């Protein structure tokens, strides 16, 4: 699943629009929509998105043996 799809699902589950998410992030809805189309989010931006909806963003790699290499988040 693409990150833009995940963010849209996050908004639905948080009961807010993407425009409201943009406002919570201090940016215009047009800017957020452009980023969603480009799929251009940094890890820091994804963490801010999670914080804006009182969620937690986790990132990690999972090796074939099940070991996880976690990020600093």
N, C-alpha and C. Protein backbone atom coordinates (compact mmCIF):
# COMPACT_ATOMS: atom_id res chain seq x y z
N UNK A 1 0.84 -1.18 0.00
CA UNK A 1 0.00 0.00 0.00
C UNK A 1 0.89 1.24 0.00
N UNK A 2 0.57 2.17 -0.84
CA UNK A 2 1.35 3.40 -0.94
C UNK A 2 1.11 4.29 0.29
N UNK A 3 2.09 5.14 0.57
CA UNK A 3 2.00 5.99 1.76
C UNK A 3 0.82 6.96 1.65
N UNK A 4 0.52 7.44 0.45
CA UNK A 4 -0.62 8.35 0.30
C UNK A 4 -1.93 7.65 0.65
N UNK A 5 -2.04 6.39 0.29
CA UNK A 5 -3.24 5.62 0.65
C UNK A 5 -3.32 5.44 2.16
N UNK A 6 -2.19 5.18 2.79
CA UNK A 6 -2.15 5.02 4.24
C UNK A 6 -2.57 6.31 4.94
N UNK A 7 -2.11 7.44 4.44
CA UNK A 7 -2.46 8.73 5.05
C UNK A 7 -3.95 9.00 4.89
N UNK A 8 -4.51 8.68 3.74
CA UNK A 8 -5.95 8.89 3.53
C UNK A 8 -6.77 7.99 4.47
N UNK A 9 -6.34 6.75 4.66
CA UNK A 9 -7.01 5.85 5.59
C UNK A 9 -6.88 6.38 7.02
N UNK A 10 -5.70 6.89 7.35
CA UNK A 10 -5.47 7.48 8.66
C UNK A 10 -6.46 8.62 8.91
N UNK A 11 -6.66 9.46 7.91
CA UNK A 11 -7.61 10.57 8.05
C UNK A 11 -9.03 10.05 8.28
N UNK A 12 -9.42 9.05 7.52
CA UNK A 12 -10.77 8.48 7.69
C UNK A 12 -10.93 7.94 9.11
N UNK A 13 -9.96 7.20 9.56
CA UNK A 13 -10.05 6.59 10.90
C UNK A 13 -9.97 7.63 12.01
N UNK A 14 -9.28 8.75 11.74
CA UNK A 14 -9.19 9.84 12.72
C UNK A 14 -10.38 10.80 12.59
N UNK A 15 -11.24 10.52 11.61
CA UNK A 15 -12.45 11.31 11.38
C UNK A 15 -12.14 12.77 11.04
N UNK A 16 -11.11 12.96 10.19
CA UNK A 16 -10.78 14.31 9.71
C UNK A 16 -10.57 14.24 8.21
N UNK A 17 -10.66 15.38 7.56
CA UNK A 17 -10.39 15.47 6.13
C UNK A 17 -8.89 15.69 5.91
N UNK A 18 -8.43 15.49 4.70
CA UNK A 18 -7.03 15.79 4.40
C UNK A 18 -6.78 17.29 4.53
N UNK A 19 -7.81 18.11 4.25
CA UNK A 19 -7.68 19.55 4.43
C UNK A 19 -7.45 19.90 5.90
N UNK A 20 -8.17 19.22 6.79
CA UNK A 20 -7.97 19.44 8.23
C UNK A 20 -6.59 18.97 8.65
N UNK A 21 -6.14 17.86 8.11
CA UNK A 21 -4.79 17.39 8.42
C UNK A 21 -3.77 18.44 7.99
N UNK A 22 -3.94 18.99 6.81
CA UNK A 22 -3.02 20.03 6.32
C UNK A 22 -2.99 21.21 7.28
N UNK A 23 -4.16 21.64 7.73
CA UNK A 23 -4.23 22.77 8.67
C UNK A 23 -3.49 22.43 9.97
N UNK A 24 -3.67 21.21 10.45
CA UNK A 24 -2.98 20.79 11.68
C UNK A 24 -1.47 20.76 11.49
N UNK A 25 -1.04 20.56 10.26
CA UNK A 25 0.40 20.51 9.95
C UNK A 25 0.94 21.90 9.63
N UNK A 26 0.05 22.90 9.57
CA UNK A 26 0.49 24.26 9.27
C UNK A 26 0.79 24.49 7.81
N UNK A 27 0.13 23.76 6.93
CA UNK A 27 0.33 23.94 5.50
C UNK A 27 -1.01 24.00 4.78
N UNK A 28 -0.96 24.41 3.54
CA UNK A 28 -2.20 24.51 2.77
C UNK A 28 -2.66 23.13 2.31
N UNK A 29 -3.98 22.96 2.16
CA UNK A 29 -4.47 21.69 1.62
C UNK A 29 -3.89 21.38 0.24
N UNK A 30 -3.66 22.42 -0.56
CA UNK A 30 -3.09 22.22 -1.90
C UNK A 30 -1.68 21.63 -1.80
N UNK A 31 -0.90 22.12 -0.84
CA UNK A 31 0.46 21.61 -0.67
C UNK A 31 0.43 20.15 -0.24
N UNK A 32 -0.44 19.81 0.71
CA UNK A 32 -0.53 18.42 1.17
C UNK A 32 -1.00 17.52 0.03
N UNK A 33 -1.99 17.96 -0.73
CA UNK A 33 -2.47 17.15 -1.85
C UNK A 33 -1.37 16.91 -2.88
N UNK A 34 -0.56 17.92 -3.13
CA UNK A 34 0.56 17.76 -4.08
C UNK A 34 1.55 16.74 -3.55
N UNK A 35 1.85 16.78 -2.26
CA UNK A 35 2.77 15.80 -1.66
C UNK A 35 2.18 14.40 -1.72
N UNK A 36 0.86 14.29 -1.51
CA UNK A 36 0.21 12.98 -1.60
C UNK A 36 0.33 12.43 -3.02
N UNK A 37 0.17 13.26 -4.02
CA UNK A 37 0.29 12.81 -5.41
C UNK A 37 1.71 12.40 -5.75
N UNK A 38 2.69 13.14 -5.21
CA UNK A 38 4.10 12.85 -5.51
C UNK A 38 4.66 11.74 -4.64
N UNK A 39 3.96 11.39 -3.56
CA UNK A 39 4.46 10.40 -2.60
C UNK A 39 5.80 10.86 -2.03
N UNK A 40 5.90 12.15 -1.71
CA UNK A 40 7.19 12.70 -1.28
C UNK A 40 7.16 13.16 0.17
N UNK A 41 7.25 12.21 1.08
CA UNK A 41 7.25 12.50 2.50
C UNK A 41 8.54 12.02 3.13
N UNK A 42 9.10 12.85 3.99
CA UNK A 42 10.25 12.42 4.77
C UNK A 42 9.74 11.68 6.01
N UNK A 43 10.62 10.99 6.66
CA UNK A 43 10.25 10.30 7.90
C UNK A 43 9.79 11.33 8.93
N UNK A 44 10.47 12.46 9.00
CA UNK A 44 10.08 13.51 9.96
C UNK A 44 8.66 14.00 9.66
N UNK A 45 8.30 14.15 8.40
CA UNK A 45 6.96 14.59 8.04
C UNK A 45 5.92 13.54 8.43
N UNK A 46 6.24 12.28 8.23
CA UNK A 46 5.32 11.21 8.60
C UNK A 46 5.12 11.16 10.11
N UNK A 47 6.17 11.44 10.85
CA UNK A 47 6.04 11.50 12.31
C UNK A 47 5.14 12.65 12.73
N UNK A 48 5.25 13.80 12.04
CA UNK A 48 4.40 14.95 12.34
C UNK A 48 2.94 14.66 11.99
N UNK A 49 2.73 13.94 10.90
CA UNK A 49 1.36 13.56 10.52
C UNK A 49 0.75 12.69 11.61
N UNK A 50 1.52 11.72 12.08
CA UNK A 50 1.03 10.85 13.15
C UNK A 50 0.71 11.66 14.40
N UNK A 51 1.59 12.56 14.76
CA UNK A 51 1.38 13.39 15.95
C UNK A 51 0.12 14.25 15.80
N UNK A 52 -0.15 14.73 14.59
CA UNK A 52 -1.31 15.60 14.34
C UNK A 52 -2.63 14.88 14.58
N UNK A 53 -2.62 13.55 14.49
CA UNK A 53 -3.86 12.79 14.71
C UNK A 53 -3.75 11.90 15.95
N UNK A 54 -2.78 12.21 16.80
CA UNK A 54 -2.57 11.47 18.04
C UNK A 54 -2.34 9.98 17.77
N UNK A 55 -1.45 9.73 16.83
CA UNK A 55 -1.08 8.35 16.48
C UNK A 55 0.44 8.21 16.62
N UNK A 56 0.92 7.04 16.34
CA UNK A 56 2.35 6.75 16.40
C UNK A 56 2.79 6.23 15.04
N UNK A 57 3.91 6.74 14.52
CA UNK A 57 4.46 6.26 13.27
C UNK A 57 5.68 5.42 13.59
N UNK A 58 5.71 4.20 13.08
CA UNK A 58 6.85 3.32 13.28
C UNK A 58 7.46 2.96 11.94
N UNK A 59 8.75 2.87 11.91
CA UNK A 59 9.42 2.41 10.69
C UNK A 59 10.49 1.41 11.06
N UNK A 60 10.62 0.37 10.26
CA UNK A 60 11.67 -0.61 10.49
C UNK A 60 11.78 -1.54 9.29
N UNK A 61 12.89 -2.20 9.22
CA UNK A 61 13.12 -3.26 8.24
C UNK A 61 12.95 -4.58 8.97
N UNK A 62 12.37 -5.55 8.30
CA UNK A 62 12.22 -6.88 8.89
C UNK A 62 12.97 -7.87 8.00
N UNK A 63 13.99 -8.49 8.56
CA UNK A 63 14.78 -9.47 7.82
C UNK A 63 13.99 -10.76 7.64
N UNK A 64 14.44 -11.60 6.73
CA UNK A 64 13.73 -12.85 6.46
C UNK A 64 13.65 -13.76 7.68
N UNK A 65 14.59 -13.60 8.62
CA UNK A 65 14.55 -14.41 9.84
C UNK A 65 13.66 -13.80 10.91
N UNK A 66 13.01 -12.67 10.60
CA UNK A 66 12.11 -12.02 11.54
C UNK A 66 12.73 -10.92 12.36
N UNK A 67 14.05 -10.78 12.32
CA UNK A 67 14.70 -9.71 13.07
C UNK A 67 14.30 -8.35 12.49
N UNK A 68 14.14 -7.36 13.38
CA UNK A 68 13.76 -6.02 12.95
C UNK A 68 14.94 -5.08 13.13
N UNK A 69 15.12 -4.22 12.15
CA UNK A 69 16.07 -3.12 12.24
C UNK A 69 15.22 -1.87 12.34
N UNK A 70 15.12 -1.32 13.54
CA UNK A 70 14.22 -0.20 13.77
C UNK A 70 14.90 1.13 13.54
N UNK A 71 14.09 2.11 13.14
CA UNK A 71 14.57 3.47 12.99
C UNK A 71 14.60 4.16 14.33
N UNK A 72 14.98 5.42 14.34
CA UNK A 72 15.08 6.17 15.58
C UNK A 72 13.73 6.61 16.11
N UNK A 73 12.66 6.44 15.31
CA UNK A 73 11.35 6.97 15.68
C UNK A 73 10.79 6.37 16.91
